[in-house]
Amino acid sequence: AICEAENGSFRFISDENSPETNIIVSMDQ
């Protein structure tokens, strides 16, 4: 859903960890 968005802004915040892991496939896949 994020990849399909048409407009928007982004920023990367370093060293902030996820509260959970919900994606386990490889980046390539």
mmCIF file of all heavy atoms, coordinates in Angstrom:
data_MODEL
# 
_entry.id   MODEL 
# 
loop_
_atom_site.group_PDB 
_atom_site.id 
_atom_site.type_symbol 
_atom_site.label_atom_id 
_atom_site.label_alt_id 
_atom_site.label_comp_id 
_atom_site.label_asym_id 
_atom_site.label_entity_id 
_atom_site.label_seq_id 
_atom_site.pdbx_PDB_ins_code 
_atom_site.Cartn_x 
_atom_site.Cartn_y 
_atom_site.Cartn_z 
_atom_site.occupancy 
_atom_site.B_iso_or_equiv 
_atom_site.pdbx_formal_charge 
_atom_site.auth_seq_id 
_atom_site.auth_comp_id 
_atom_site.auth_asym_id 
_atom_site.auth_atom_id 
_atom_site.pdbx_PDB_model_num 
ATOM 1   N N   . ALA A 1 1  ? 0.836  -1.210  0.000  1.00 0.00 ? 1  ALA A N   1 
ATOM 2   C CA  . ALA A 1 1  ? 0.000  0.000   0.000  1.00 0.00 ? 1  ALA A CA  1 
ATOM 3   C C   . ALA A 1 1  ? 0.864  1.251   0.000  1.00 0.00 ? 1  ALA A C   1 
ATOM 4   O O   . ALA A 1 1  ? 0.543  2.253   -0.648 1.00 0.00 ? 1  ALA A O   1 
ATOM 5   C CB  . ALA A 1 1  ? -0.922 -0.010  1.219  1.00 0.00 ? 1  ALA A CB  1 
ATOM 6   N N   . ILE A 1 2  ? 1.966  1.206   0.722  1.00 0.00 ? 2  ILE A N   1 
ATOM 7   C CA  . ILE A 1 2  ? 2.894  2.338   0.765  1.00 0.00 ? 2  ILE A CA  1 
ATOM 8   C C   . ILE A 1 2  ? 3.508  2.572   -0.612 1.00 0.00 ? 2  ILE A C   1 
ATOM 9   O O   . ILE A 1 2  ? 3.600  3.703   -1.098 1.00 0.00 ? 2  ILE A O   1 
ATOM 10  C CB  . ILE A 1 2  ? 3.991  2.079   1.816  1.00 0.00 ? 2  ILE A CB  1 
ATOM 11  C CG1 . ILE A 1 2  ? 3.394  2.099   3.228  1.00 0.00 ? 2  ILE A CG1 1 
ATOM 12  C CG2 . ILE A 1 2  ? 5.116  3.115   1.714  1.00 0.00 ? 2  ILE A CG2 1 
ATOM 13  C CD1 . ILE A 1 2  ? 4.316  1.564   4.306  1.00 0.00 ? 2  ILE A CD1 1 
ATOM 14  N N   . CYS A 1 3  ? 3.921  1.491   -1.268 1.00 0.00 ? 3  CYS A N   1 
ATOM 15  C CA  . CYS A 1 3  ? 4.549  1.605   -2.590 1.00 0.00 ? 3  CYS A CA  1 
ATOM 16  C C   . CYS A 1 3  ? 3.583  2.140   -3.646 1.00 0.00 ? 3  CYS A C   1 
ATOM 17  O O   . CYS A 1 3  ? 4.011  2.759   -4.623 1.00 0.00 ? 3  CYS A O   1 
ATOM 18  C CB  . CYS A 1 3  ? 5.089  0.244   -3.028 1.00 0.00 ? 3  CYS A CB  1 
ATOM 19  S SG  . CYS A 1 3  ? 6.502  -0.347  -2.083 1.00 0.00 ? 3  CYS A SG  1 
ATOM 20  N N   . GLU A 1 4  ? 2.286  1.902   -3.454 1.00 0.00 ? 4  GLU A N   1 
ATOM 21  C CA  . GLU A 1 4  ? 1.287  2.313   -4.446 1.00 0.00 ? 4  GLU A CA  1 
ATOM 22  C C   . GLU A 1 4  ? 0.814  3.753   -4.258 1.00 0.00 ? 4  GLU A C   1 
ATOM 23  O O   . GLU A 1 4  ? 0.054  4.268   -5.093 1.00 0.00 ? 4  GLU A O   1 
ATOM 24  C CB  . GLU A 1 4  ? 0.082  1.369   -4.367 1.00 0.00 ? 4  GLU A CB  1 
ATOM 25  C CG  . GLU A 1 4  ? 0.409  -0.041  -4.855 1.00 0.00 ? 4  GLU A CG  1 
ATOM 26  C CD  . GLU A 1 4  ? -0.543 -1.099  -4.316 1.00 0.00 ? 4  GLU A CD  1 
ATOM 27  O OE1 . GLU A 1 4  ? -1.546 -0.708  -3.663 1.00 0.00 ? 4  GLU A OE1 1 
ATOM 28  O OE2 . GLU A 1 4  ? -0.294 -2.293  -4.513 1.00 0.00 ? 4  GLU A OE2 1 
ATOM 29  N N   . ALA A 1 5  ? 1.252  4.418   -3.195 1.00 0.00 ? 5  ALA A N   1 
ATOM 30  C CA  . ALA A 1 5  ? 0.824  5.797   -2.937 1.00 0.00 ? 5  ALA A CA  1 
ATOM 31  C C   . ALA A 1 5  ? 1.256  6.721   -4.076 1.00 0.00 ? 5  ALA A C   1 
ATOM 32  O O   . ALA A 1 5  ? 2.319  6.546   -4.676 1.00 0.00 ? 5  ALA A O   1 
ATOM 33  C CB  . ALA A 1 5  ? 1.391  6.281   -1.618 1.00 0.00 ? 5  ALA A CB  1 
ATOM 34  N N   . GLU A 1 6  ? 0.418  7.713   -4.356 1.00 0.00 ? 6  GLU A N   1 
ATOM 35  C CA  . GLU A 1 6  ? 0.669  8.620   -5.486 1.00 0.00 ? 6  GLU A CA  1 
ATOM 36  C C   . GLU A 1 6  ? 1.466  9.849   -5.087 1.00 0.00 ? 6  GLU A C   1 
ATOM 37  O O   . GLU A 1 6  ? 2.240  10.377  -5.881 1.00 0.00 ? 6  GLU A O   1 
ATOM 38  C CB  . GLU A 1 6  ? -0.679 9.066   -6.078 1.00 0.00 ? 6  GLU A CB  1 
ATOM 39  C CG  . GLU A 1 6  ? -1.505 7.912   -6.624 1.00 0.00 ? 6  GLU A CG  1 
ATOM 40  C CD  . GLU A 1 6  ? -2.954 8.289   -6.818 1.00 0.00 ? 6  GLU A CD  1 
ATOM 41  O OE1 . GLU A 1 6  ? -3.373 9.339   -6.284 1.00 0.00 ? 6  GLU A OE1 1 
ATOM 42  O OE2 . GLU A 1 6  ? -3.680 7.535   -7.497 1.00 0.00 ? 6  GLU A OE2 1 
ATOM 43  N N   . ASN A 1 7  ? 1.242  10.348  -3.881 1.00 0.00 ? 7  ASN A N   1 
ATOM 44  C CA  . ASN A 1 7  ? 1.915  11.561  -3.416 1.00 0.00 ? 7  ASN A CA  1 
ATOM 45  C C   . ASN A 1 7  ? 2.364  11.368  -1.971 1.00 0.00 ? 7  ASN A C   1 
ATOM 46  O O   . ASN A 1 7  ? 1.844  10.506  -1.263 1.00 0.00 ? 7  ASN A O   1 
ATOM 47  C CB  . ASN A 1 7  ? 0.968  12.768  -3.472 1.00 0.00 ? 7  ASN A CB  1 
ATOM 48  C CG  . ASN A 1 7  ? 0.567  13.112  -4.881 1.00 0.00 ? 7  ASN A CG  1 
ATOM 49  O OD1 . ASN A 1 7  ? 1.380  13.549  -5.682 1.00 0.00 ? 7  ASN A OD1 1 
ATOM 50  N ND2 . ASN A 1 7  ? -0.704 12.910  -5.208 1.00 0.00 ? 7  ASN A ND2 1 
ATOM 51  N N   . GLY A 1 8  ? 3.292  12.216  -1.547 1.00 0.00 ? 8  GLY A N   1 
ATOM 52  C CA  . GLY A 1 8  ? 3.680  12.163  -0.143 1.00 0.00 ? 8  GLY A CA  1 
ATOM 53  C C   . GLY A 1 8  ? 5.133  12.540  0.085  1.00 0.00 ? 8  GLY A C   1 
ATOM 54  O O   . GLY A 1 8  ? 5.918  12.714  -0.848 1.00 0.00 ? 8  GLY A O   1 
ATOM 55  N N   . SER A 1 9  ? 5.460  12.655  1.348  1.00 0.00 ? 9  SER A N   1 
ATOM 56  C CA  . SER A 1 9  ? 6.817  12.995  1.754  1.00 0.00 ? 9  SER A CA  1 
ATOM 57  C C   . SER A 1 9  ? 7.377  11.889  2.644  1.00 0.00 ? 9  SER A C   1 
ATOM 58  O O   . SER A 1 9  ? 6.632  11.053  3.172  1.00 0.00 ? 9  SER A O   1 
ATOM 59  C CB  . SER A 1 9  ? 6.831  14.324  2.512  1.00 0.00 ? 9  SER A CB  1 
ATOM 60  O OG  . SER A 1 9  ? 6.032  14.241  3.683  1.00 0.00 ? 9  SER A OG  1 
ATOM 61  N N   . PHE A 1 10 ? 8.686  11.887  2.809  1.00 0.00 ? 10 PHE A N   1 
ATOM 62  C CA  . PHE A 1 10 ? 9.326  10.869  3.628  1.00 0.00 ? 10 PHE A CA  1 
ATOM 63  C C   . PHE A 1 10 ? 10.543 11.451  4.347  1.00 0.00 ? 10 PHE A C   1 
ATOM 64  O O   . PHE A 1 10 ? 11.114 12.455  3.924  1.00 0.00 ? 10 PHE A O   1 
ATOM 65  C CB  . PHE A 1 10 ? 9.771  9.683   2.759  1.00 0.00 ? 10 PHE A CB  1 
ATOM 66  C CG  . PHE A 1 10 ? 10.903 10.018  1.812  1.00 0.00 ? 10 PHE A CG  1 
ATOM 67  C CD1 . PHE A 1 10 ? 12.232 9.889   2.199  1.00 0.00 ? 10 PHE A CD1 1 
ATOM 68  C CD2 . PHE A 1 10 ? 10.635 10.478  0.525  1.00 0.00 ? 10 PHE A CD2 1 
ATOM 69  C CE1 . PHE A 1 10 ? 13.276 10.203  1.325  1.00 0.00 ? 10 PHE A CE1 1 
ATOM 70  C CE2 . PHE A 1 10 ? 11.669 10.803  -0.351 1.00 0.00 ? 10 PHE A CE2 1 
ATOM 71  C CZ  . PHE A 1 10 ? 12.983 10.657  0.055  1.00 0.00 ? 10 PHE A CZ  1 
ATOM 72  N N   . ARG A 1 11 ? 10.916 10.812  5.442  1.00 0.00 ? 11 ARG A N   1 
ATOM 73  C CA  . ARG A 1 11 ? 12.172 11.106  6.112  1.00 0.00 ? 11 ARG A CA  1 
ATOM 74  C C   . ARG A 1 11 ? 12.623 9.862   6.855  1.00 0.00 ? 11 ARG A C   1 
ATOM 75  O O   . ARG A 1 11 ? 11.794 9.081   7.338  1.00 0.00 ? 11 ARG A O   1 
ATOM 76  C CB  . ARG A 1 11 ? 12.060 12.288  7.077  1.00 0.00 ? 11 ARG A CB  1 
ATOM 77  C CG  . ARG A 1 11 ? 11.216 12.048  8.298  1.00 0.00 ? 11 ARG A CG  1 
ATOM 78  C CD  . ARG A 1 11 ? 11.058 13.336  9.107  1.00 0.00 ? 11 ARG A CD  1 
ATOM 79  N NE  . ARG A 1 11 ? 10.313 13.123  10.337 1.00 0.00 ? 11 ARG A NE  1 
ATOM 80  C CZ  . ARG A 1 11 ? 10.845 13.090  11.558 1.00 0.00 ? 11 ARG A CZ  1 
ATOM 81  N NH1 . ARG A 1 11 ? 12.148 13.271  11.696 1.00 0.00 ? 11 ARG A NH1 1 
ATOM 82  N NH2 . ARG A 1 11 ? 10.096 12.892  12.629 1.00 0.00 ? 11 ARG A NH2 1 
ATOM 83  N N   . PHE A 1 12 ? 13.926 9.675   6.901  1.00 0.00 ? 12 PHE A N   1 
ATOM 84  C CA  . PHE A 1 12 ? 14.479 8.501   7.556  1.00 0.00 ? 12 PHE A CA  1 
ATOM 85  C C   . PHE A 1 12 ? 15.023 8.894   8.923  1.00 0.00 ? 12 PHE A C   1 
ATOM 86  O O   . PHE A 1 12 ? 15.793 9.841   9.058  1.00 0.00 ? 12 PHE A O   1 
ATOM 87  C CB  . PHE A 1 12 ? 15.590 7.886   6.706  1.00 0.00 ? 12 PHE A CB  1 
ATOM 88  C CG  . PHE A 1 12 ? 16.116 6.591   7.249  1.00 0.00 ? 12 PHE A CG  1 
ATOM 89  C CD1 . PHE A 1 12 ? 15.406 5.412   7.068  1.00 0.00 ? 12 PHE A CD1 1 
ATOM 90  C CD2 . PHE A 1 12 ? 17.305 6.538   7.957  1.00 0.00 ? 12 PHE A CD2 1 
ATOM 91  C CE1 . PHE A 1 12 ? 15.872 4.217   7.575  1.00 0.00 ? 12 PHE A CE1 1 
ATOM 92  C CE2 . PHE A 1 12 ? 17.789 5.350   8.466  1.00 0.00 ? 12 PHE A CE2 1 
ATOM 93  C CZ  . PHE A 1 12 ? 17.077 4.180   8.276  1.00 0.00 ? 12 PHE A CZ  1 
ATOM 94  N N   . ILE A 1 13 ? 14.588 8.150   9.951  1.00 0.00 ? 13 ILE A N   1 
ATOM 95  C CA  . ILE A 1 13 ? 15.020 8.391   11.326 1.00 0.00 ? 13 ILE A CA  1 
ATOM 96  C C   . ILE A 1 13 ? 15.954 7.254   11.720 1.00 0.00 ? 13 ILE A C   1 
ATOM 97  O O   . ILE A 1 13 ? 15.537 6.098   11.836 1.00 0.00 ? 13 ILE A O   1 
ATOM 98  C CB  . ILE A 1 13 ? 13.814 8.454   12.279 1.00 0.00 ? 13 ILE A CB  1 
ATOM 99  C CG1 . ILE A 1 13 ? 12.815 9.504   11.796 1.00 0.00 ? 13 ILE A CG1 1 
ATOM 100 C CG2 . ILE A 1 13 ? 14.280 8.758   13.698 1.00 0.00 ? 13 ILE A CG2 1 
ATOM 101 C CD1 . ILE A 1 13 ? 11.502 9.497   12.557 1.00 0.00 ? 13 ILE A CD1 1 
ATOM 102 N N   . SER A 1 14 ? 17.208 7.556   11.909 1.00 0.00 ? 14 SER A N   1 
ATOM 103 C CA  . SER A 1 14 ? 18.210 6.525   12.186 1.00 0.00 ? 14 SER A CA  1 
ATOM 104 C C   . SER A 1 14 ? 18.038 5.897   13.562 1.00 0.00 ? 14 SER A C   1 
ATOM 105 O O   . SER A 1 14 ? 17.602 6.549   14.517 1.00 0.00 ? 14 SER A O   1 
ATOM 106 C CB  . SER A 1 14 ? 19.618 7.120   12.076 1.00 0.00 ? 14 SER A CB  1 
ATOM 107 O OG  . SER A 1 14 ? 19.875 7.568   10.763 1.00 0.00 ? 14 SER A OG  1 
ATOM 108 N N   . ASP A 1 15 ? 18.383 4.614   13.630 1.00 0.00 ? 15 ASP A N   1 
ATOM 109 C CA  . ASP A 1 15 ? 18.474 3.855   14.889 1.00 0.00 ? 15 ASP A CA  1 
ATOM 110 C C   . ASP A 1 15 ? 17.155 3.773   15.663 1.00 0.00 ? 15 ASP A C   1 
ATOM 111 O O   . ASP A 1 15 ? 17.170 3.627   16.885 1.00 0.00 ? 15 ASP A O   1 
ATOM 112 C CB  . ASP A 1 15 ? 19.569 4.443   15.786 1.00 0.00 ? 15 ASP A CB  1 
ATOM 113 C CG  . ASP A 1 15 ? 20.930 4.426   15.116 1.00 0.00 ? 15 ASP A CG  1 
ATOM 114 O OD1 . ASP A 1 15 ? 21.227 3.424   14.438 1.00 0.00 ? 15 ASP A OD1 1 
ATOM 115 O OD2 . ASP A 1 15 ? 21.673 5.406   15.235 1.00 0.00 ? 15 ASP A OD2 1 
ATOM 116 N N   . GLU A 1 16 ? 16.026 3.859   14.959 1.00 0.00 ? 16 GLU A N   1 
ATOM 117 C CA  . GLU A 1 16 ? 14.738 3.646   15.613 1.00 0.00 ? 16 GLU A CA  1 
ATOM 118 C C   . GLU A 1 16 ? 14.243 2.247   15.246 1.00 0.00 ? 16 GLU A C   1 
ATOM 119 O O   . GLU A 1 16 ? 14.103 1.919   14.079 1.00 0.00 ? 16 GLU A O   1 
ATOM 120 C CB  . GLU A 1 16 ? 13.718 4.703   15.197 1.00 0.00 ? 16 GLU A CB  1 
ATOM 121 C CG  . GLU A 1 16 ? 12.418 4.599   15.976 1.00 0.00 ? 16 GLU A CG  1 
ATOM 122 C CD  . GLU A 1 16 ? 11.549 5.839   15.852 1.00 0.00 ? 16 GLU A CD  1 
ATOM 123 O OE1 . GLU A 1 16 ? 12.102 6.931   15.581 1.00 0.00 ? 16 GLU A OE1 1 
ATOM 124 O OE2 . GLU A 1 16 ? 10.324 5.720   16.021 1.00 0.00 ? 16 GLU A OE2 1 
ATOM 125 N N   . ASN A 1 17 ? 13.991 1.431   16.260 1.00 0.00 ? 17 ASN A N   1 
ATOM 126 C CA  . ASN A 1 17 ? 13.653 0.028   16.045 1.00 0.00 ? 17 ASN A CA  1 
ATOM 127 C C   . ASN A 1 17 ? 12.150 -0.206  16.011 1.00 0.00 ? 17 ASN A C   1 
ATOM 128 O O   . ASN A 1 17 ? 11.375 0.508   16.648 1.00 0.00 ? 17 ASN A O   1 
ATOM 129 C CB  . ASN A 1 17 ? 14.283 -0.840  17.132 1.00 0.00 ? 17 ASN A CB  1 
ATOM 130 C CG  . ASN A 1 17 ? 15.799 -0.794  17.100 1.00 0.00 ? 17 ASN A CG  1 
ATOM 131 O OD1 . ASN A 1 17 ? 16.404 -0.817  16.029 1.00 0.00 ? 17 ASN A OD1 1 
ATOM 132 N ND2 . ASN A 1 17 ? 16.426 -0.713  18.264 1.00 0.00 ? 17 ASN A ND2 1 
ATOM 133 N N   . SER A 1 18 ? 11.756 -1.250  15.292 1.00 0.00 ? 18 SER A N   1 
ATOM 134 C CA  . SER A 1 18 ? 10.345 -1.614  15.178 1.00 0.00 ? 18 SER A CA  1 
ATOM 135 C C   . SER A 1 18 ? 9.858  -2.304  16.452 1.00 0.00 ? 18 SER A C   1 
ATOM 136 O O   . SER A 1 18 ? 10.603 -3.066  17.070 1.00 0.00 ? 18 SER A O   1 
ATOM 137 C CB  . SER A 1 18 ? 10.145 -2.550  13.988 1.00 0.00 ? 18 SER A CB  1 
ATOM 138 O OG  . SER A 1 18 ? 8.847  -3.079  13.981 1.00 0.00 ? 18 SER A OG  1 
ATOM 139 N N   . PRO A 1 19 ? 8.585  -2.066  16.826 1.00 0.00 ? 19 PRO A N   1 
ATOM 140 C CA  . PRO A 1 19 ? 8.033  -2.761  17.989 1.00 0.00 ? 19 PRO A CA  1 
ATOM 141 C C   . PRO A 1 19 ? 7.795  -4.244  17.728 1.00 0.00 ? 19 PRO A C   1 
ATOM 142 O O   . PRO A 1 19 ? 7.608  -5.025  18.651 1.00 0.00 ? 19 PRO A O   1 
ATOM 143 C CB  . PRO A 1 19 ? 6.704  -2.031  18.228 1.00 0.00 ? 19 PRO A CB  1 
ATOM 144 C CG  . PRO A 1 19 ? 6.334  -1.472  16.888 1.00 0.00 ? 19 PRO A CG  1 
ATOM 145 C CD  . PRO A 1 19 ? 7.640  -1.100  16.253 1.00 0.00 ? 19 PRO A CD  1 
ATOM 146 N N   . GLU A 1 20 ? 7.797  -4.635  16.444 1.00 0.00 ? 20 GLU A N   1 
ATOM 147 C CA  . GLU A 1 20 ? 7.590  -6.040  16.084 1.00 0.00 ? 20 GLU A CA  1 
ATOM 148 C C   . GLU A 1 20 ? 8.192  -6.300  14.718 1.00 0.00 ? 20 GLU A C   1 
ATOM 149 O O   . GLU A 1 20 ? 8.522  -5.380  13.970 1.00 0.00 ? 20 GLU A O   1 
ATOM 150 C CB  . GLU A 1 20 ? 6.100  -6.385  16.056 1.00 0.00 ? 20 GLU A CB  1 
ATOM 151 C CG  . GLU A 1 20 ? 5.330  -5.623  14.989 1.00 0.00 ? 20 GLU A CG  1 
ATOM 152 C CD  . GLU A 1 20 ? 3.859  -6.012  14.926 1.00 0.00 ? 20 GLU A CD  1 
ATOM 153 O OE1 . GLU A 1 20 ? 3.090  -5.502  15.758 1.00 0.00 ? 20 GLU A OE1 1 
ATOM 154 O OE2 . GLU A 1 20 ? 3.505  -6.831  14.054 1.00 0.00 ? 20 GLU A OE2 1 
ATOM 155 N N   . THR A 1 21 ? 8.356  -7.581  14.395 1.00 0.00 ? 21 THR A N   1 
ATOM 156 C CA  . THR A 1 21 ? 8.816  -7.980  13.075 1.00 0.00 ? 21 THR A CA  1 
ATOM 157 C C   . THR A 1 21 ? 7.641  -8.630  12.344 1.00 0.00 ? 21 THR A C   1 
ATOM 158 O O   . THR A 1 21 ? 7.114  -9.647  12.796 1.00 0.00 ? 21 THR A O   1 
ATOM 159 C CB  . THR A 1 21 ? 9.988  -8.984  13.171 1.00 0.00 ? 21 THR A CB  1 
ATOM 160 O OG1 . THR A 1 21 ? 11.092 -8.351  13.816 1.00 0.00 ? 21 THR A OG1 1 
ATOM 161 C CG2 . THR A 1 21 ? 10.412 -9.450  11.780 1.00 0.00 ? 21 THR A CG2 1 
ATOM 162 N N   . ASN A 1 22 ? 7.209  -8.028  11.235 1.00 0.00 ? 22 ASN A N   1 
ATOM 163 C CA  . ASN A 1 22 ? 6.085  -8.598  10.490 1.00 0.00 ? 22 ASN A CA  1 
ATOM 164 C C   . ASN A 1 22 ? 6.405  -8.843  9.023  1.00 0.00 ? 22 ASN A C   1 
ATOM 165 O O   . ASN A 1 22 ? 5.522  -9.200  8.237  1.00 0.00 ? 22 ASN A O   1 
ATOM 166 C CB  . ASN A 1 22 ? 4.832  -7.730  10.641 1.00 0.00 ? 22 ASN A CB  1 
ATOM 167 C CG  . ASN A 1 22 ? 5.044  -6.284  10.229 1.00 0.00 ? 22 ASN A CG  1 
ATOM 168 O OD1 . ASN A 1 22 ? 5.755  -6.004  9.274  1.00 0.00 ? 22 ASN A OD1 1 
ATOM 169 N ND2 . ASN A 1 22 ? 4.420  -5.355  10.952 1.00 0.00 ? 22 ASN A ND2 1 
ATOM 170 N N   . ILE A 1 23 ? 7.681  -8.654  8.634  1.00 0.00 ? 23 ILE A N   1 
ATOM 171 C CA  . ILE A 1 23 ? 8.127  -8.988  7.283  1.00 0.00 ? 23 ILE A CA  1 
ATOM 172 C C   . ILE A 1 23 ? 9.386  -9.833  7.412  1.00 0.00 ? 23 ILE A C   1 
ATOM 173 O O   . ILE A 1 23 ? 10.380 -9.392  7.995  1.00 0.00 ? 23 ILE A O   1 
ATOM 174 C CB  . ILE A 1 23 ? 8.420  -7.718  6.453  1.00 0.00 ? 23 ILE A CB  1 
ATOM 175 C CG1 . ILE A 1 23 ? 7.129  -6.945  6.196  1.00 0.00 ? 23 ILE A CG1 1 
ATOM 176 C CG2 . ILE A 1 23 ? 9.081  -8.090  5.125  1.00 0.00 ? 23 ILE A CG2 1 
ATOM 177 C CD1 . ILE A 1 23 ? 7.298  -5.686  5.381  1.00 0.00 ? 23 ILE A CD1 1 
ATOM 178 N N   . ILE A 1 24 ? 9.342  -11.047 6.873  1.00 0.00 ? 24 ILE A N   1 
ATOM 179 C CA  . ILE A 1 24 ? 10.482 -11.955 7.032  1.00 0.00 ? 24 ILE A CA  1 
ATOM 180 C C   . ILE A 1 24 ? 11.055 -12.416 5.692  1.00 0.00 ? 24 ILE A C   1 
ATOM 181 O O   . ILE A 1 24 ? 11.981 -13.201 5.660  1.00 0.00 ? 24 ILE A O   1 
ATOM 182 C CB  . ILE A 1 24 ? 10.087 -13.183 7.879  1.00 0.00 ? 24 ILE A CB  1 
ATOM 183 C CG1 . ILE A 1 24 ? 8.904  -13.915 7.258  1.00 0.00 ? 24 ILE A CG1 1 
ATOM 184 C CG2 . ILE A 1 24 ? 9.790  -12.785 9.316  1.00 0.00 ? 24 ILE A CG2 1 
ATOM 185 C CD1 . ILE A 1 24 ? 8.530  -15.207 7.964  1.00 0.00 ? 24 ILE A CD1 1 
ATOM 186 N N   . VAL A 1 25 ? 10.515 -11.926 4.580  1.00 0.00 ? 25 VAL A N   1 
ATOM 187 C CA  . VAL A 1 25 ? 11.044 -12.309 3.266  1.00 0.00 ? 25 VAL A CA  1 
ATOM 188 C C   . VAL A 1 25 ? 12.273 -11.481 2.943  1.00 0.00 ? 25 VAL A C   1 
ATOM 189 O O   . VAL A 1 25 ? 12.525 -10.432 3.542  1.00 0.00 ? 25 VAL A O   1 
ATOM 190 C CB  . VAL A 1 25 ? 9.973  -12.135 2.166  1.00 0.00 ? 25 VAL A CB  1 
ATOM 191 C CG1 . VAL A 1 25 ? 8.764  -12.989 2.451  1.00 0.00 ? 25 VAL A CG1 1 
ATOM 192 C CG2 . VAL A 1 25 ? 9.575  -10.671 2.037  1.00 0.00 ? 25 VAL A CG2 1 
ATOM 193 N N   . SER A 1 26 ? 13.055 -11.946 1.984  1.00 0.00 ? 26 SER A N   1 
ATOM 194 C CA  . SER A 1 26 ? 14.266 -11.226 1.588  1.00 0.00 ? 26 SER A CA  1 
ATOM 195 C C   . SER A 1 26 ? 13.913 -9.929  0.869  1.00 0.00 ? 26 SER A C   1 
ATOM 196 O O   . SER A 1 26 ? 12.823 -9.786  0.312  1.00 0.00 ? 26 SER A O   1 
ATOM 197 C CB  . SER A 1 26 ? 15.115 -12.103 0.671  1.00 0.00 ? 26 SER A CB  1 
ATOM 198 O OG  . SER A 1 26 ? 14.455 -12.295 -0.580 1.00 0.00 ? 26 SER A OG  1 
ATOM 199 N N   . MET A 1 27 ? 14.852 -8.997  0.870  1.00 0.00 ? 27 MET A N   1 
ATOM 200 C CA  . MET A 1 27 ? 14.623 -7.722  0.181  1.00 0.00 ? 27 MET A CA  1 
ATOM 201 C C   . MET A 1 27 ? 14.422 -7.938  -1.310 1.00 0.00 ? 27 MET A C   1 
ATOM 202 O O   . MET A 1 27 ? 13.568 -7.300  -1.928 1.00 0.00 ? 27 MET A O   1 
ATOM 203 C CB  . MET A 1 27 ? 15.807 -6.778  0.422  1.00 0.00 ? 27 MET A CB  1 
ATOM 204 C CG  . MET A 1 27 ? 15.791 -6.083  1.763  1.00 0.00 ? 27 MET A CG  1 
ATOM 205 S SD  . MET A 1 27 ? 14.456 -4.850  1.888  1.00 0.00 ? 27 MET A SD  1 
ATOM 206 C CE  . MET A 1 27 ? 15.115 -3.529  0.857  1.00 0.00 ? 27 MET A CE  1 
ATOM 207 N N   . ASP A 1 28 ? 15.200 -8.827  -1.907 1.00 0.00 ? 28 ASP A N   1 
ATOM 208 C CA  . ASP A 1 28 ? 15.046 -9.109  -3.337 1.00 0.00 ? 28 ASP A CA  1 
ATOM 209 C C   . ASP A 1 28 ? 13.611 -9.528  -3.650 1.00 0.00 ? 28 ASP A C   1 
ATOM 210 O O   . ASP A 1 28 ? 12.981 -9.006  -4.568 1.00 0.00 ? 28 ASP A O   1 
ATOM 211 C CB  . ASP A 1 28 ? 16.005 -10.224 -3.764 1.00 0.00 ? 28 ASP A CB  1 
ATOM 212 C CG  . ASP A 1 28 ? 17.427 -9.727  -3.941 1.00 0.00 ? 28 ASP A CG  1 
ATOM 213 O OD1 . ASP A 1 28 ? 17.599 -8.540  -4.257 1.00 0.00 ? 28 ASP A OD1 1 
ATOM 214 O OD2 . ASP A 1 28 ? 18.352 -10.527 -3.784 1.00 0.00 ? 28 ASP A OD2 1 
ATOM 215 N N   . GLN A 1 29 ? 13.113 -10.476 -2.870 1.00 0.00 ? 29 GLN A N   1 
ATOM 216 C CA  . GLN A 1 29 ? 11.766 -11.003 -3.112 1.00 0.00 ? 29 GLN A CA  1 
ATOM 217 C C   . GLN A 1 29 ? 10.706 -9.942  -2.856 1.00 0.00 ? 29 GLN A C   1 
ATOM 218 O O   . GLN A 1 29 ? 9.754  -9.801  -3.628 1.00 0.00 ? 29 GLN A O   1 
ATOM 219 C CB  . GLN A 1 29 ? 11.522 -12.216 -2.215 1.00 0.00 ? 29 GLN A CB  1 
ATOM 220 C CG  . GLN A 1 29 ? 10.148 -12.852 -2.407 1.00 0.00 ? 29 GLN A CG  1 
ATOM 221 C CD  . GLN A 1 29 ? 9.920  -14.036 -1.490 1.00 0.00 ? 29 GLN A CD  1 
ATOM 222 O OE1 . GLN A 1 29 ? 10.872 -14.609 -0.960 1.00 0.00 ? 29 GLN A OE1 1 
ATOM 223 N NE2 . GLN A 1 29 ? 8.667  -14.405 -1.291 1.00 0.00 ? 29 GLN A NE2 1 
# 
